[in-house]
Every structure is written in C-alpha cells, then in structure tokens.
Amino acid sequence: MTRRIQEAIEARRVTGKRTAGFTLIELIVVVVIIGILSAIAIPAFLSQRQRAYNAATQSDVKNTVTALETYYAGNLAYPTKDSEITDDGATTSTNVKITVVYKKVKGGIGYTVWGQHGKSDTVFKLDSEAGSKPVSKDDKGAAYTSGDVDAAVTAATDGTFSFGSLS
C-alpha cells in the first residue's frame, strides 16, 4: 500500500498530472452540500408529520360525529358509552383520543367532540351547534389545550365518555 502511494507521488512529481481520486477540498465541498440539503429537508419532513397527526385527529372527530348521529337516528338517543358506537365500527387512529361531552341545548341535547393525537399538542373541537368542521382555536384565537378538555368533562352534567388512547 505504501509502495502504491509512493509511486503515485513520484508519478505526479515527474509528470505534473494528478492521479485518479478526489482532493480533500472536493470532499469537504460535497459534505457541506449534503449538510445544507439535509438542513432544508428535515424540518419540512417534520412539518409533514405534524400535519398528518392533525389530519388523522380531525378525521377521527368527524367520524365520531357521524357515528353519534347514526346511533341517534337508529335509537332516538345519543350513546352513553363508547361501546355503543365502537361496536358499530367507530374507531380512532393510533394515538388519538376522542372525548364526547353532552350538554343541554335549545330543543334537547347537543354534544362537543374533542380530539387529540398523542404526538401533537393540537386539540380539535367540534360542537354540534357550531358547525361541521373541527377547529383548534376558540373565537378569540386561543388554541385549545388538553386542559380545556378536562374542564369540559369536569363541568359536564349530561354525560361524557372517551375512547382511544394517547399512548
């Protein structure tokens, strides 16, 4: 091996030509370029994961609302425990917890469905009176937290249940 290196050095000295291979500067430039590309790609990838977690939670909240309304259509009452809708196929994505809180509204009983993914701090809420799109912020723009869910469950007088898991 050292003989080959010595021959390469001698050949370069005699001919003035480089032998095949990369210089240290060329290798450093390649490593720097790879580092720059990684610095751009990794945050974009992590952002996509958060958006996927949030999309899964929103979908589970909407599916729960559909399951609640389907149960109501068949029984003229909302379910009082999770097995009444999960037995009919209502499920959650991995690491998503859904909480249903019932409340008195004009004309009967309404509900609020809360959803949170275990790998996201974003909490989504869908109120039966407010519309059909899960939202993550209140009217003032403040983000909902798991504390808001706990407060709603504590204040509930008309029933509540949860299913799924944040783990």
C-alpha atoms as a PDB file:
ATOM      1  CA  MET A   1       0.000   0.000   0.000  1.00  0.00           C
ATOM      2  CA  THR A   2       2.743   2.463   0.872  1.00  0.00           C
ATOM      3  CA  ARG A   3       4.551   1.420  -2.295  1.00  0.00           C
ATOM      4  CA  ARG A   4       1.482   2.393  -4.330  1.00  0.00           C
ATOM      5  CA  ILE A   5       1.278   5.787  -2.592  1.00  0.00           C
ATOM      6  CA  GLN A   6       4.959   6.396  -3.202  1.00  0.00           C
ATOM      7  CA  GLU A   7       4.523   5.511  -6.872  1.00  0.00           C
ATOM      8  CA  ALA A   8       1.598   7.927  -7.178  1.00  0.00           C
ATOM      9  CA  ILE A   9       3.590  10.736  -5.564  1.00  0.00           C
ATOM     10  CA  GLU A  10       6.570  10.050  -7.824  1.00  0.00           C
ATOM     11  CA  ALA A  11       4.378   9.906 -10.940  1.00  0.00           C
ATOM     12  CA  ARG A  12       2.828  13.226 -10.066  1.00  0.00           C
ATOM     13  CA  ARG A  13       6.191  14.823  -9.460  1.00  0.00           C
ATOM     14  CA  VAL A  14       7.563  13.571 -12.749  1.00  0.00           C
ATOM     15  CA  THR A  15       4.527  14.191 -14.997  1.00  0.00           C
ATOM     16  CA  GLY A  16       2.837  17.010 -13.109  1.00  0.00           C
ATOM     17  CA  LYS A  17      -0.522  15.242 -13.579  1.00  0.00           C
ATOM     18  CA  ARG A  18      -2.892  14.220 -10.858  1.00  0.00           C
ATOM     19  CA  THR A  19      -3.727  10.605 -10.312  1.00  0.00           C
ATOM     20  CA  ALA A  20      -7.312   9.421 -10.097  1.00  0.00           C
ATOM     21  CA  GLY A  21      -9.139  10.418  -6.885  1.00  0.00           C
ATOM     22  CA  PHE A  22     -10.658  13.384  -5.080  1.00  0.00           C
ATOM     23  CA  THR A  23      -8.849  16.099  -3.175  1.00  0.00           C
ATOM     24  CA  LEU A  24      -9.701  16.927   0.397  1.00  0.00           C
ATOM     25  CA  ILE A  25     -11.298  20.218  -0.691  1.00  0.00           C
ATOM     26  CA  GLU A  26     -13.596  18.426  -3.122  1.00  0.00           C
ATOM     27  CA  LEU A  27     -14.698  16.005  -0.416  1.00  0.00           C
ATOM     28  CA  ILE A  28     -15.355  18.846   2.039  1.00  0.00           C
ATOM     29  CA  VAL A  29     -17.473  20.692  -0.551  1.00  0.00           C
ATOM     30  CA  VAL A  30     -19.594  17.570  -1.112  1.00  0.00           C
ATOM     31  CA  VAL A  31     -20.100  17.085   2.636  1.00  0.00           C
ATOM     32  CA  VAL A  32     -21.140  20.745   3.046  1.00  0.00           C
ATOM     33  CA  ILE A  33     -23.649  20.460   0.186  1.00  0.00           C
ATOM     34  CA  ILE A  34     -25.154  17.316   1.713  1.00  0.00           C
ATOM     35  CA  GLY A  35     -25.386  19.107   5.071  1.00  0.00           C
ATOM     36  CA  ILE A  36     -27.204  22.072   3.524  1.00  0.00           C
ATOM     37  CA  LEU A  37     -29.684  19.818   1.731  1.00  0.00           C
ATOM     38  CA  SER A  38     -30.328  17.905   4.966  1.00  0.00           C
ATOM     39  CA  ALA A  39     -30.904  21.130   6.872  1.00  0.00           C
ATOM     40  CA  ILE A  40     -33.594  22.064   4.356  1.00  0.00           C
ATOM     41  CA  ALA A  41     -35.266  18.648   4.103  1.00  0.00           C
ATOM     42  CA  ILE A  42     -35.520  17.580   7.762  1.00  0.00           C
ATOM     43  CA  PRO A  43     -37.710  20.489   9.006  1.00  0.00           C
ATOM     44  CA  ALA A  44     -40.007  20.053   6.003  1.00  0.00           C
ATOM     45  CA  PHE A  45     -40.355  16.354   6.801  1.00  0.00           C
ATOM     46  CA  LEU A  46     -41.129  17.034  10.480  1.00  0.00           C
ATOM     47  CA  SER A  47     -43.766  19.593   9.471  1.00  0.00           C
ATOM     48  CA  GLN A  48     -45.460  16.992   7.273  1.00  0.00           C
ATOM     49  CA  ARG A  49     -45.648  14.565  10.190  1.00  0.00           C
ATOM     50  CA  GLN A  50     -47.409  17.145  12.390  1.00  0.00           C
ATOM     51  CA  ARG A  51     -49.896  17.875   9.628  1.00  0.00           C
ATOM     52  CA  ALA A  52     -50.559  14.145   9.244  1.00  0.00           C
ATOM     53  CA  TYR A  53     -51.210  13.776  13.002  1.00  0.00           C
ATOM     54  CA  ASN A  54     -53.625  16.713  12.899  1.00  0.00           C
ATOM     55  CA  ALA A  55     -55.401  15.382   9.803  1.00  0.00           C
ATOM     56  CA  ALA A  56     -55.865  11.983  11.486  1.00  0.00           C
ATOM     57  CA  THR A  57     -57.341  13.656  14.566  1.00  0.00           C
ATOM     58  CA  GLN A  58     -59.721  15.827  12.532  1.00  0.00           C
ATOM     59  CA  SER A  59     -60.862  12.786  10.577  1.00  0.00           C
ATOM     60  CA  ASP A  60     -61.490  10.822  13.781  1.00  0.00           C
ATOM     61  CA  VAL A  61     -63.516  13.711  15.237  1.00  0.00           C
ATOM     62  CA  LYS A  62     -65.689  13.867  12.090  1.00  0.00           C
ATOM     63  CA  ASN A  63     -66.106  10.079  12.065  1.00  0.00           C
ATOM     64  CA  THR A  64     -67.194  10.170  15.700  1.00  0.00           C
ATOM     65  CA  VAL A  65     -69.818  12.787  14.896  1.00  0.00           C
ATOM     66  CA  THR A  66     -71.083  10.591  12.057  1.00  0.00           C
ATOM     67  CA  ALA A  67     -71.231   7.617  14.434  1.00  0.00           C
ATOM     68  CA  LEU A  68     -73.107   9.698  17.052  1.00  0.00           C
ATOM     69  CA  GLU A  69     -75.674  10.851  14.525  1.00  0.00           C
ATOM     70  CA  THR A  70     -76.058   7.354  13.054  1.00  0.00           C
ATOM     71  CA  TYR A  71     -76.655   5.944  16.530  1.00  0.00           C
ATOM     72  CA  TYR A  72     -79.155   8.729  17.245  1.00  0.00           C
ATOM     73  CA  ALA A  73     -81.048   8.012  14.005  1.00  0.00           C
ATOM     74  CA  GLY A  74     -81.483   4.385  14.982  1.00  0.00           C
ATOM     75  CA  ASN A  75     -82.160   4.800  18.700  1.00  0.00           C
ATOM     76  CA  LEU A  76     -83.584   8.344  19.111  1.00  0.00           C
ATOM     77  CA  ALA A  77     -80.949   8.912  21.797  1.00  0.00           C
ATOM     78  CA  TYR A  78     -77.237   9.528  21.799  1.00  0.00           C
ATOM     79  CA  PRO A  79     -74.907   6.765  23.036  1.00  0.00           C
ATOM     80  CA  THR A  80     -73.947   6.899  26.685  1.00  0.00           C
ATOM     81  CA  LYS A  81     -70.778   4.832  26.441  1.00  0.00           C
ATOM     82  CA  ASP A  82     -68.117   4.257  23.844  1.00  0.00           C
ATOM     83  CA  SER A  83     -69.011   0.628  23.170  1.00  0.00           C
ATOM     84  CA  GLU A  84     -72.359   1.732  21.747  1.00  0.00           C
ATOM     85  CA  ILE A  85     -70.608   3.379  18.815  1.00  0.00           C
ATOM     86  CA  THR A  86     -67.315   1.475  18.687  1.00  0.00           C
ATOM     87  CA  ASP A  87     -69.232  -1.801  18.328  1.00  0.00           C
ATOM     88  CA  ASP A  88     -70.742  -0.309  15.163  1.00  0.00           C
ATOM     89  CA  GLY A  89     -67.324   0.425  13.716  1.00  0.00           C
ATOM     90  CA  ALA A  90     -66.351   3.836  15.125  1.00  0.00           C
ATOM     91  CA  THR A  91     -62.610   3.693  15.739  1.00  0.00           C
ATOM     92  CA  THR A  92     -59.724   6.056  16.211  1.00  0.00           C
ATOM     93  CA  SER A  93     -56.361   6.237  14.538  1.00  0.00           C
ATOM     94  CA  THR A  94     -53.325   5.143  16.505  1.00  0.00           C
ATOM     95  CA  ASN A  95     -52.542   7.537  19.384  1.00  0.00           C
ATOM     96  CA  VAL A  96     -55.798   9.507  19.032  1.00  0.00           C
ATOM     97  CA  LYS A  97     -58.125  10.039  21.986  1.00  0.00           C
ATOM     98  CA  ILE A  98     -61.700  11.174  21.425  1.00  0.00           C
ATOM     99  CA  THR A  99     -63.851  12.640  24.191  1.00  0.00           C
ATOM    100  CA  VAL A 100     -67.598  13.243  23.804  1.00  0.00           C
ATOM    101  CA  VAL A 101     -69.285  15.709  26.171  1.00  0.00           C
ATOM    102  CA  TYR A 102     -73.073  16.091  26.138  1.00  0.00           C
ATOM    103  CA  LYS A 103     -74.852  19.350  27.004  1.00  0.00           C
ATOM    104  CA  LYS A 104     -78.318  20.786  27.074  1.00  0.00           C
ATOM    105  CA  VAL A 105     -79.158  22.898  24.047  1.00  0.00           C
ATOM    106  CA  LYS A 106     -82.292  24.539  22.780  1.00  0.00           C
ATOM    107  CA  GLY A 107     -84.541  21.685  21.740  1.00  0.00           C
ATOM    108  CA  GLY A 108     -82.740  18.841  23.540  1.00  0.00           C
ATOM    109  CA  ILE A 109     -79.228  17.503  23.922  1.00  0.00           C
ATOM    110  CA  GLY A 110     -76.170  18.549  21.964  1.00  0.00           C
ATOM    111  CA  TYR A 111     -72.573  17.451  22.126  1.00  0.00           C
ATOM    112  CA  THR A 112     -69.000  18.562  21.807  1.00  0.00           C
ATOM    113  CA  VAL A 113     -66.448  16.127  20.431  1.00  0.00           C
ATOM    114  CA  TRP A 114     -62.821  16.730  21.419  1.00  0.00           C
ATOM    115  CA  GLY A 115     -59.865  15.007  19.754  1.00  0.00           C
ATOM    116  CA  GLN A 116     -56.148  14.949  20.407  1.00  0.00           C
ATOM    117  CA  HIS A 117     -53.228  12.993  18.955  1.00  0.00           C
ATOM    118  CA  GLY A 118     -50.606  11.728  21.393  1.00  0.00           C
ATOM    119  CA  LYS A 119     -47.757  13.122  19.272  1.00  0.00           C
ATOM    120  CA  SER A 120     -49.283  16.569  18.752  1.00  0.00           C
ATOM    121  CA  ASP A 121     -50.169  19.397  21.119  1.00  0.00           C
ATOM    122  CA  THR A 122     -53.088  20.462  18.923  1.00  0.00           C
ATOM    123  CA  VAL A 123     -56.565  19.745  20.320  1.00  0.00           C
ATOM    124  CA  PHE A 124     -59.580  19.805  17.996  1.00  0.00           C
ATOM    125  CA  LYS A 125     -63.168  20.550  18.981  1.00  0.00           C
ATOM    126  CA  LEU A 126     -66.382  20.056  17.061  1.00  0.00           C
ATOM    127  CA  ASP A 127     -69.540  21.444  18.628  1.00  0.00           C
ATOM    128  CA  SER A 128     -72.912  20.137  17.426  1.00  0.00           C
ATOM    129  CA  GLU A 129     -74.259  23.695  17.290  1.00  0.00           C
ATOM    130  CA  ALA A 130     -71.225  25.435  15.803  1.00  0.00           C
ATOM    131  CA  GLY A 131     -70.708  23.584  12.559  1.00  0.00           C
ATOM    132  CA  SER A 132     -69.268  20.534  10.936  1.00  0.00           C
ATOM    133  CA  LYS A 133     -65.564  21.388  10.848  1.00  0.00           C
ATOM    134  CA  PRO A 134     -63.239  20.570  13.758  1.00  0.00           C
ATOM    135  CA  VAL A 135     -61.441  23.683  14.974  1.00  0.00           C
ATOM    136  CA  SER A 136     -58.280  24.037  17.046  1.00  0.00           C
ATOM    137  CA  LYS A 137     -58.823  27.604  18.297  1.00  0.00           C
ATOM    138  CA  ASP A 138     -61.625  29.400  20.097  1.00  0.00           C
ATOM    139  CA  ASP A 139     -63.368  32.578  18.886  1.00  0.00           C
ATOM    140  CA  LYS A 140     -60.552  34.739  20.290  1.00  0.00           C
ATOM    141  CA  GLY A 141     -57.833  32.747  18.500  1.00  0.00           C
ATOM    142  CA  ALA A 142     -56.545  30.933  21.577  1.00  0.00           C
ATOM    143  CA  ALA A 143     -55.535  27.328  20.934  1.00  0.00           C
ATOM    144  CA  TYR A 144     -57.467  24.614  22.739  1.00  0.00           C
ATOM    145  CA  THR A 145     -55.469  22.505  25.182  1.00  0.00           C
ATOM    146  CA  SER A 146     -55.966  19.230  26.994  1.00  0.00           C
ATOM    147  CA  GLY A 147     -56.887  21.405  29.999  1.00  0.00           C
ATOM    148  CA  ASP A 148     -59.930  22.633  28.060  1.00  0.00           C
ATOM    149  CA  VAL A 149     -60.990  19.017  27.514  1.00  0.00           C
ATOM    150  CA  ASP A 150     -60.542  18.231  31.216  1.00  0.00           C
ATOM    151  CA  ALA A 151     -62.553  21.327  32.173  1.00  0.00           C
ATOM    152  CA  ALA A 152     -65.380  20.365  29.801  1.00  0.00           C
ATOM    153  CA  VAL A 153     -65.504  16.838  31.227  1.00  0.00           C
ATOM    154  CA  THR A 154     -65.496  18.148  34.797  1.00  0.00           C
ATOM    155  CA  ALA A 155     -68.284  20.637  34.054  1.00  0.00           C
ATOM    156  CA  ALA A 156     -70.405  18.127  32.139  1.00  0.00           C
ATOM    157  CA  THR A 157     -73.791  17.457  33.682  1.00  0.00           C
ATOM    158  CA  ASP A 158     -75.352  15.483  30.840  1.00  0.00           C
ATOM    159  CA  GLY A 159     -72.802  12.726  30.348  1.00  0.00           C
ATOM    160  CA  THR A 160     -69.426  12.109  28.816  1.00  0.00           C
ATOM    161  CA  PHE A 161     -67.289   9.264  27.515  1.00  0.00           C
ATOM    162  CA  SER A 162     -63.896   8.787  25.870  1.00  0.00           C
ATOM    163  CA  PHE A 163     -62.282   6.199  23.658  1.00  0.00           C
ATOM    164  CA  GLY A 164     -58.911   5.760  22.026  1.00  0.00           C
ATOM    165  CA  SER A 165     -55.560   6.384  23.667  1.00  0.00           C
ATOM    166  CA  LEU A 166     -52.803   9.000  23.542  1.00  0.00           C
ATOM    167  CA  SER A 167     -50.046   6.423  24.008  1.00  0.00           C
END
